[in-house]
């Protein structure tokens, strides 16, 4: 799991540099994409750490 998270972070850093934005913005955009493409009825954690049902 740690290796996967590190790989993801490396990719996000590369994207942030290419787009001249912060890594946090890249992470927020990815989270929004995953949520919008997510399955109805599944639970997702928002920025505040609260689990919400889609």
N, C-alpha and C. Protein backbone atom coordinates (compact mmCIF):
# COMPACT_ATOMS: atom_id res chain seq x y z
N UNK A 1 0.82 -1.18 0.00
CA UNK A 1 0.00 0.00 0.00
C UNK A 1 0.87 1.25 0.00
N UNK A 2 1.92 1.25 0.81
CA UNK A 2 2.80 2.42 0.88
C UNK A 2 3.47 2.69 -0.46
N UNK A 3 3.87 1.61 -1.15
CA UNK A 3 4.51 1.77 -2.46
C UNK A 3 3.53 2.35 -3.47
N UNK A 4 2.29 1.89 -3.43
CA UNK A 4 1.26 2.42 -4.33
C UNK A 4 1.02 3.90 -4.07
N UNK A 5 0.93 4.28 -2.80
CA UNK A 5 0.72 5.68 -2.45
C UNK A 5 1.89 6.55 -2.90
N UNK A 6 3.10 6.03 -2.76
CA UNK A 6 4.27 6.79 -3.19
C UNK A 6 4.28 6.95 -4.70
N UNK A 7 3.93 5.90 -5.43
CA UNK A 7 3.86 5.98 -6.90
C UNK A 7 2.83 7.02 -7.32
N UNK A 8 1.68 7.02 -6.66
CA UNK A 8 0.61 7.97 -6.97
C UNK A 8 1.08 9.40 -6.71
N UNK A 9 1.77 9.59 -5.59
CA UNK A 9 2.27 10.92 -5.25
C UNK A 9 3.28 11.40 -6.28
N UNK A 10 4.15 10.51 -6.73
CA UNK A 10 5.13 10.86 -7.76
C UNK A 10 4.45 11.33 -9.03
N UNK A 11 3.41 10.63 -9.42
CA UNK A 11 2.66 11.01 -10.63
C UNK A 11 1.97 12.35 -10.42
N UNK A 12 1.37 12.56 -9.27
CA UNK A 12 0.69 13.82 -8.97
C UNK A 12 1.68 14.99 -8.99
N UNK A 13 2.89 14.77 -8.48
CA UNK A 13 3.92 15.82 -8.51
C UNK A 13 4.27 16.18 -9.94
N UNK A 14 4.41 15.17 -10.80
CA UNK A 14 4.72 15.42 -12.21
C UNK A 14 3.60 16.22 -12.88
N UNK A 15 2.37 15.85 -12.62
CA UNK A 15 1.23 16.55 -13.20
C UNK A 15 1.20 17.99 -12.70
N UNK A 16 1.43 18.18 -11.40
CA UNK A 16 1.42 19.53 -10.82
C UNK A 16 2.48 20.41 -11.48
N UNK A 17 3.66 19.87 -11.71
CA UNK A 17 4.72 20.64 -12.36
C UNK A 17 4.35 20.99 -13.79
N UNK A 18 3.77 20.03 -14.53
CA UNK A 18 3.38 20.27 -15.92
C UNK A 18 2.31 21.35 -16.01
N UNK A 19 1.38 21.36 -15.06
CA UNK A 19 0.27 22.29 -15.10
C UNK A 19 0.52 23.55 -14.27
N UNK A 20 1.68 23.62 -13.64
CA UNK A 20 2.07 24.75 -12.81
C UNK A 20 1.03 25.05 -11.73
N UNK A 21 0.64 23.99 -11.02
CA UNK A 21 -0.32 24.09 -9.92
C UNK A 21 0.23 23.29 -8.73
N UNK A 22 -0.44 23.40 -7.60
CA UNK A 22 0.01 22.67 -6.41
C UNK A 22 -0.40 21.20 -6.49
N UNK A 23 0.33 20.37 -5.77
CA UNK A 23 -0.02 18.95 -5.70
C UNK A 23 -1.39 18.78 -5.05
N UNK A 24 -1.71 19.66 -4.10
CA UNK A 24 -3.02 19.58 -3.44
C UNK A 24 -4.16 19.79 -4.43
N UNK A 25 -3.96 20.68 -5.39
CA UNK A 25 -5.00 20.90 -6.40
C UNK A 25 -5.15 19.66 -7.28
N UNK A 26 -4.04 19.04 -7.65
CA UNK A 26 -4.08 17.81 -8.44
C UNK A 26 -4.84 16.72 -7.67
N UNK A 27 -4.55 16.60 -6.38
CA UNK A 27 -5.22 15.60 -5.55
C UNK A 27 -6.72 15.88 -5.46
N UNK A 28 -7.11 17.13 -5.29
CA UNK A 28 -8.53 17.49 -5.21
C UNK A 28 -9.25 17.20 -6.52
N UNK A 29 -8.58 17.50 -7.63
CA UNK A 29 -9.19 17.22 -8.94
C UNK A 29 -9.39 15.72 -9.13
N UNK A 30 -8.41 14.95 -8.73
CA UNK A 30 -8.51 13.48 -8.88
C UNK A 30 -9.62 12.93 -8.00
N UNK A 31 -9.71 13.43 -6.77
CA UNK A 31 -10.77 12.97 -5.87
C UNK A 31 -12.14 13.31 -6.45
N UNK A 32 -12.29 14.49 -7.02
CA UNK A 32 -13.57 14.88 -7.62
C UNK A 32 -13.92 13.98 -8.79
N UNK A 33 -12.92 13.63 -9.59
CA UNK A 33 -13.14 12.73 -10.73
C UNK A 33 -13.57 11.35 -10.25
N UNK A 34 -12.87 10.83 -9.24
CA UNK A 34 -13.22 9.51 -8.71
C UNK A 34 -14.63 9.50 -8.14
N UNK A 35 -15.01 10.57 -7.45
CA UNK A 35 -16.35 10.65 -6.88
C UNK A 35 -17.40 10.72 -7.99
N UNK A 36 -17.17 11.55 -9.01
CA UNK A 36 -18.17 11.69 -10.07
C UNK A 36 -18.32 10.41 -10.88
N UNK A 37 -17.24 9.63 -10.98
CA UNK A 37 -17.30 8.36 -11.71
C UNK A 37 -17.67 7.19 -10.80
N UNK A 38 -17.87 7.47 -9.52
CA UNK A 38 -18.14 6.42 -8.54
C UNK A 38 -19.52 5.81 -8.69
N UNK A 39 -19.70 4.72 -8.00
CA UNK A 39 -20.93 3.95 -8.05
C UNK A 39 -21.97 4.49 -7.08
N UNK A 40 -23.20 4.60 -7.55
CA UNK A 40 -24.30 5.02 -6.69
C UNK A 40 -24.42 4.05 -5.53
N UNK A 41 -24.63 4.61 -4.34
CA UNK A 41 -24.80 3.78 -3.15
C UNK A 41 -23.52 3.52 -2.38
N UNK A 42 -22.36 3.77 -3.02
CA UNK A 42 -21.08 3.59 -2.33
C UNK A 42 -20.80 4.79 -1.45
N UNK A 43 -19.97 4.59 -0.44
CA UNK A 43 -19.59 5.66 0.47
C UNK A 43 -18.23 6.21 0.09
N UNK A 44 -18.08 7.52 0.20
CA UNK A 44 -16.84 8.22 -0.10
C UNK A 44 -16.55 9.20 1.01
N UNK A 45 -15.27 9.43 1.26
CA UNK A 45 -14.88 10.35 2.31
C UNK A 45 -14.62 11.73 1.71
N UNK A 46 -15.25 12.77 2.26
CA UNK A 46 -15.04 14.11 1.75
C UNK A 46 -13.82 14.76 2.40
N UNK A 47 -13.54 16.02 2.05
CA UNK A 47 -12.35 16.72 2.56
C UNK A 47 -12.34 16.84 4.07
N UNK A 48 -13.51 16.91 4.67
CA UNK A 48 -13.62 17.05 6.13
C UNK A 48 -13.48 15.71 6.84
N UNK A 49 -13.36 14.63 6.07
CA UNK A 49 -13.21 13.31 6.67
C UNK A 49 -14.54 12.62 6.95
N UNK A 50 -15.62 13.23 6.49
CA UNK A 50 -16.96 12.67 6.71
C UNK A 50 -17.29 11.74 5.55
N UNK A 51 -17.82 10.56 5.90
CA UNK A 51 -18.22 9.60 4.89
C UNK A 51 -19.62 9.95 4.39
N UNK A 52 -19.75 10.06 3.06
CA UNK A 52 -21.05 10.38 2.46
C UNK A 52 -21.40 9.30 1.44
N UNK A 53 -22.69 9.10 1.27
CA UNK A 53 -23.16 8.10 0.32
C UNK A 53 -23.52 8.79 -0.98
N UNK A 54 -23.05 8.24 -2.05
CA UNK A 54 -23.34 8.81 -3.36
C UNK A 54 -24.68 8.34 -3.83
